[in-house]
Amino acid sequence: MRFAVELKKGKGVWVFVSDLVTGKYINDQEHRQRYSNLRTALKGSLIGKDGQKFIESDGSRNYRLSTHPDFVTYDLKKLKTHPDSQITALIKT
């Protein structure tokens, strides 16, 4: 979700792993398997696209969604009532 928020903001769109730790979205910045797991989880939604290219790394622990912001959609009403407080907090940013 954090990647989608940054993509929609359009401010460079890179998400720094250190910011994910600071924001308490993750607790271990060395654990890179989570990005592979995310790519795998999104595979069915990518319509044949390569997950490695969709969640892109710059090699310096920064990640982003490599797509046009208009290609990422969401249901704002559902996100506003999401049970995870971190998700609802992201909606307010």
N, C-alpha and C. Protein backbone atom coordinates (compact mmCIF):
# COMPACT_ATOMS: atom_id res chain seq x y z
N MET A 1 0.82 -1.19 0.00
CA MET A 1 0.00 0.00 0.00
C MET A 1 0.87 1.26 0.00
N ARG A 2 1.95 1.18 0.75
CA ARG A 2 2.85 2.34 0.82
C ARG A 2 3.42 2.67 -0.56
N PHE A 3 3.73 1.66 -1.36
CA PHE A 3 4.23 1.90 -2.71
C PHE A 3 3.18 2.61 -3.56
N ALA A 4 1.93 2.20 -3.44
CA ALA A 4 0.85 2.82 -4.21
C ALA A 4 0.65 4.27 -3.80
N VAL A 5 0.75 4.56 -2.51
CA VAL A 5 0.60 5.93 -2.04
C VAL A 5 1.67 6.82 -2.65
N GLU A 6 2.90 6.38 -2.61
CA GLU A 6 4.00 7.18 -3.17
C GLU A 6 3.85 7.34 -4.68
N LEU A 7 3.41 6.30 -5.35
CA LEU A 7 3.20 6.39 -6.79
C LEU A 7 2.14 7.43 -7.12
N LYS A 8 1.05 7.44 -6.36
CA LYS A 8 -0.03 8.40 -6.60
C LYS A 8 0.40 9.83 -6.26
N LYS A 9 1.29 9.99 -5.28
CA LYS A 9 1.80 11.32 -4.93
C LYS A 9 2.66 11.89 -6.05
N GLY A 10 3.38 10.99 -6.73
CA GLY A 10 4.23 11.41 -7.83
C GLY A 10 5.50 12.12 -7.43
N LYS A 11 5.96 11.95 -6.20
CA LYS A 11 7.16 12.63 -5.72
C LYS A 11 8.37 11.71 -5.81
N GLY A 12 8.75 11.33 -6.99
CA GLY A 12 9.90 10.45 -7.15
C GLY A 12 9.56 8.99 -7.00
N VAL A 13 8.51 8.68 -6.35
CA VAL A 13 7.89 7.37 -6.17
C VAL A 13 8.75 6.31 -5.51
N TRP A 14 10.01 6.57 -5.22
CA TRP A 14 10.83 5.58 -4.53
C TRP A 14 10.44 5.54 -3.06
N VAL A 15 10.33 4.34 -2.54
CA VAL A 15 10.07 4.15 -1.11
C VAL A 15 11.38 3.66 -0.50
N PHE A 16 11.88 4.40 0.46
CA PHE A 16 13.13 4.06 1.11
C PHE A 16 12.85 3.09 2.25
N VAL A 17 13.58 2.00 2.29
CA VAL A 17 13.38 0.99 3.33
C VAL A 17 13.55 1.61 4.71
N SER A 18 14.47 2.54 4.85
CA SER A 18 14.67 3.20 6.15
C SER A 18 13.40 3.95 6.58
N ASP A 19 12.65 4.51 5.61
CA ASP A 19 11.39 5.19 5.94
C ASP A 19 10.32 4.18 6.35
N LEU A 20 10.36 2.98 5.77
CA LEU A 20 9.41 1.95 6.16
C LEU A 20 9.66 1.50 7.60
N VAL A 21 10.93 1.45 7.99
CA VAL A 21 11.29 1.09 9.36
C VAL A 21 10.87 2.21 10.31
N THR A 22 11.20 3.45 9.96
CA THR A 22 10.85 4.60 10.79
C THR A 22 9.33 4.71 10.98
N GLY A 23 8.58 4.47 9.91
CA GLY A 23 7.13 4.54 9.98
C GLY A 23 6.49 3.31 10.59
N LYS A 24 7.33 2.35 11.00
CA LYS A 24 6.88 1.10 11.63
C LYS A 24 6.01 0.24 10.71
N TYR A 25 6.25 0.34 9.39
CA TYR A 25 5.58 -0.54 8.44
C TYR A 25 6.28 -1.89 8.41
N ILE A 26 7.60 -1.86 8.62
CA ILE A 26 8.39 -3.08 8.74
C ILE A 26 9.32 -2.90 9.92
N ASN A 27 9.85 -4.01 10.45
CA ASN A 27 10.75 -3.88 11.60
C ASN A 27 12.16 -4.36 11.31
N ASP A 28 12.41 -4.87 10.12
CA ASP A 28 13.73 -5.38 9.78
C ASP A 28 14.08 -4.97 8.36
N GLN A 29 14.93 -3.98 8.21
CA GLN A 29 15.23 -3.50 6.87
C GLN A 29 16.16 -4.43 6.10
N GLU A 30 16.75 -5.41 6.75
CA GLU A 30 17.63 -6.36 6.06
C GLU A 30 16.87 -7.51 5.44
N HIS A 31 15.63 -7.73 5.83
CA HIS A 31 14.84 -8.87 5.36
C HIS A 31 14.27 -8.55 3.98
N ARG A 32 14.93 -8.99 2.93
CA ARG A 32 14.52 -8.65 1.56
C ARG A 32 13.50 -9.63 0.99
N GLN A 33 13.28 -10.76 1.67
CA GLN A 33 12.35 -11.75 1.17
C GLN A 33 10.93 -11.19 1.07
N ARG A 34 10.60 -10.20 1.88
CA ARG A 34 9.24 -9.62 1.86
C ARG A 34 8.89 -9.05 0.49
N TYR A 35 9.86 -8.52 -0.24
CA TYR A 35 9.58 -7.94 -1.55
C TYR A 35 9.33 -9.03 -2.58
N SER A 36 10.05 -10.12 -2.46
CA SER A 36 9.80 -11.27 -3.32
C SER A 36 8.41 -11.84 -3.03
N ASN A 37 8.06 -11.93 -1.74
CA ASN A 37 6.74 -12.42 -1.36
C ASN A 37 5.64 -11.51 -1.89
N LEU A 38 5.86 -10.22 -1.85
CA LEU A 38 4.88 -9.26 -2.38
C LEU A 38 4.73 -9.42 -3.89
N ARG A 39 5.84 -9.58 -4.57
CA ARG A 39 5.79 -9.81 -6.02
C ARG A 39 4.97 -11.06 -6.34
N THR A 40 5.20 -12.12 -5.56
CA THR A 40 4.46 -13.37 -5.76
C THR A 40 2.98 -13.17 -5.49
N ALA A 41 2.64 -12.46 -4.42
CA ALA A 41 1.24 -12.22 -4.07
C ALA A 41 0.51 -11.41 -5.14
N LEU A 42 1.21 -10.50 -5.79
CA LEU A 42 0.59 -9.66 -6.81
C LEU A 42 0.56 -10.30 -8.20
N LYS A 43 1.24 -11.42 -8.35
CA LYS A 43 1.40 -12.03 -9.67
C LYS A 43 0.08 -12.20 -10.42
N GLY A 44 -0.97 -12.66 -9.75
CA GLY A 44 -2.26 -12.86 -10.41
C GLY A 44 -2.90 -11.57 -10.90
N SER A 45 -2.55 -10.46 -10.29
CA SER A 45 -3.12 -9.17 -10.67
C SER A 45 -2.31 -8.46 -11.75
N LEU A 46 -1.15 -8.97 -12.05
CA LEU A 46 -0.26 -8.29 -12.99
C LEU A 46 -0.51 -8.65 -14.45
N ILE A 47 -1.44 -9.52 -14.69
CA ILE A 47 -1.85 -9.90 -16.05
C ILE A 47 -0.63 -10.20 -16.93
N GLY A 48 0.16 -11.16 -16.49
CA GLY A 48 1.29 -11.61 -17.30
C GLY A 48 2.54 -10.76 -17.20
N LYS A 49 2.53 -9.70 -16.43
CA LYS A 49 3.72 -8.85 -16.28
C LYS A 49 4.69 -9.50 -15.29
N ASP A 50 5.94 -9.14 -15.39
CA ASP A 50 6.98 -9.66 -14.52
C ASP A 50 6.97 -8.91 -13.19
N GLY A 51 6.75 -9.63 -12.08
CA GLY A 51 6.71 -9.01 -10.76
C GLY A 51 8.01 -8.33 -10.39
N GLN A 52 9.13 -8.89 -10.86
CA GLN A 52 10.44 -8.29 -10.59
C GLN A 52 10.54 -6.90 -11.20
N LYS A 53 9.94 -6.72 -12.35
CA LYS A 53 9.96 -5.40 -13.00
C LYS A 53 8.88 -4.48 -12.45
N PHE A 54 7.80 -5.05 -11.92
CA PHE A 54 6.70 -4.24 -11.39
C PHE A 54 7.09 -3.61 -10.06
N ILE A 55 7.69 -4.38 -9.16
CA ILE A 55 8.23 -3.83 -7.92
C ILE A 55 9.73 -3.76 -8.14
N GLU A 56 10.17 -2.59 -8.47
CA GLU A 56 11.54 -2.36 -8.91
C GLU A 56 12.42 -1.93 -7.74
N SER A 57 13.67 -2.38 -7.76
CA SER A 57 14.65 -1.98 -6.77
C SER A 57 15.77 -1.21 -7.46
N ASP A 58 16.28 -0.20 -6.79
CA ASP A 58 17.39 0.55 -7.38
C ASP A 58 18.75 0.01 -6.91
N GLY A 59 18.73 -1.09 -6.15
CA GLY A 59 19.97 -1.69 -5.66
C GLY A 59 20.49 -1.05 -4.39
N SER A 60 19.81 -0.01 -3.90
CA SER A 60 20.22 0.68 -2.68
C SER A 60 19.13 0.64 -1.61
N ARG A 61 18.37 -0.46 -1.60
CA ARG A 61 17.29 -0.66 -0.64
C ARG A 61 16.14 0.33 -0.81
N ASN A 62 15.92 0.74 -2.01
CA ASN A 62 14.78 1.59 -2.33
C ASN A 62 13.93 0.84 -3.36
N TYR A 63 12.63 0.94 -3.21
CA TYR A 63 11.72 0.20 -4.07
C TYR A 63 10.62 1.11 -4.57
N ARG A 64 10.02 0.73 -5.69
CA ARG A 64 8.89 1.48 -6.22
C ARG A 64 8.06 0.58 -7.13
N LEU A 65 6.84 1.02 -7.37
CA LEU A 65 6.01 0.37 -8.38
C LEU A 65 6.38 0.99 -9.71
N SER A 66 6.74 0.16 -10.65
CA SER A 66 7.17 0.64 -11.95
C SER A 66 6.00 0.56 -12.93
N THR A 67 5.11 1.53 -12.80
CA THR A 67 3.94 1.62 -13.66
C THR A 67 3.41 3.05 -13.63
N HIS A 68 2.52 3.36 -14.51
CA HIS A 68 1.89 4.68 -14.51
C HIS A 68 0.88 4.75 -13.37
N PRO A 69 0.79 5.86 -12.64
CA PRO A 69 -0.15 5.96 -11.52
C PRO A 69 -1.60 5.65 -11.88
N ASP A 70 -1.99 5.94 -13.10
CA ASP A 70 -3.38 5.68 -13.50
C ASP A 70 -3.70 4.19 -13.60
N PHE A 71 -2.67 3.35 -13.64
CA PHE A 71 -2.89 1.91 -13.73
C PHE A 71 -3.09 1.27 -12.36
N VAL A 72 -2.93 2.03 -11.30
CA VAL A 72 -3.15 1.53 -9.95
C VAL A 72 -4.48 2.09 -9.46
N THR A 73 -5.41 1.19 -9.18
CA THR A 73 -6.72 1.61 -8.71
C THR A 73 -7.01 1.01 -7.33
N TYR A 74 -7.96 1.58 -6.64
CA TYR A 74 -8.31 1.13 -5.30
C TYR A 74 -9.73 1.57 -4.98
N ASP A 75 -10.31 0.95 -3.97
CA ASP A 75 -11.64 1.29 -3.50
C ASP A 75 -11.48 2.13 -2.22
N LEU A 76 -11.55 3.43 -2.35
CA LEU A 76 -11.30 4.34 -1.24
C LEU A 76 -12.25 4.09 -0.07
N LYS A 77 -13.50 3.80 -0.35
CA LYS A 77 -14.48 3.55 0.71
C LYS A 77 -14.05 2.36 1.58
N LYS A 78 -13.61 1.29 0.94
CA LYS A 78 -13.16 0.11 1.69
C LYS A 78 -11.87 0.39 2.45
N LEU A 79 -10.97 1.14 1.84
CA LEU A 79 -9.71 1.43 2.51
C LEU A 79 -9.92 2.31 3.75
N LYS A 80 -10.87 3.21 3.70
CA LYS A 80 -11.14 4.08 4.85
C LYS A 80 -11.67 3.31 6.05
N THR A 81 -12.25 2.15 5.80
CA THR A 81 -12.78 1.33 6.91
C THR A 81 -11.96 0.06 7.11
N HIS A 82 -10.76 0.05 6.61
CA HIS A 82 -9.89 -1.12 6.73
C HIS A 82 -9.58 -1.38 8.21
N PRO A 83 -9.55 -2.66 8.63
CA PRO A 83 -9.27 -2.97 10.04
C PRO A 83 -7.84 -2.67 10.49
N ASP A 84 -6.91 -2.54 9.56
CA ASP A 84 -5.51 -2.25 9.91
C ASP A 84 -5.34 -0.73 9.98
N SER A 85 -5.01 -0.23 11.16
CA SER A 85 -4.88 1.22 11.36
C SER A 85 -3.79 1.84 10.50
N GLN A 86 -2.76 1.07 10.15
CA GLN A 86 -1.71 1.61 9.28
C GLN A 86 -2.25 1.89 7.89
N ILE A 87 -3.16 1.07 7.43
CA ILE A 87 -3.76 1.29 6.11
C ILE A 87 -4.62 2.55 6.14
N THR A 88 -5.46 2.69 7.15
CA THR A 88 -6.31 3.89 7.22
C THR A 88 -5.47 5.14 7.41
N ALA A 89 -4.36 5.04 8.11
CA ALA A 89 -3.46 6.20 8.27
C ALA A 89 -2.85 6.60 6.94
N LEU A 90 -2.51 5.62 6.10
CA LEU A 90 -1.95 5.92 4.78
C LEU A 90 -2.95 6.65 3.90
N ILE A 91 -4.22 6.33 4.05
CA ILE A 91 -5.26 6.97 3.25
C ILE A 91 -5.33 8.47 3.56
N LYS A 92 -4.99 8.83 4.76
CA LYS A 92 -5.06 10.24 5.18
C LYS A 92 -3.85 11.03 4.73
N THR A 93 -2.81 10.36 4.20
CA THR A 93 -1.60 11.09 3.79
C THR A 93 -1.73 11.65 2.40
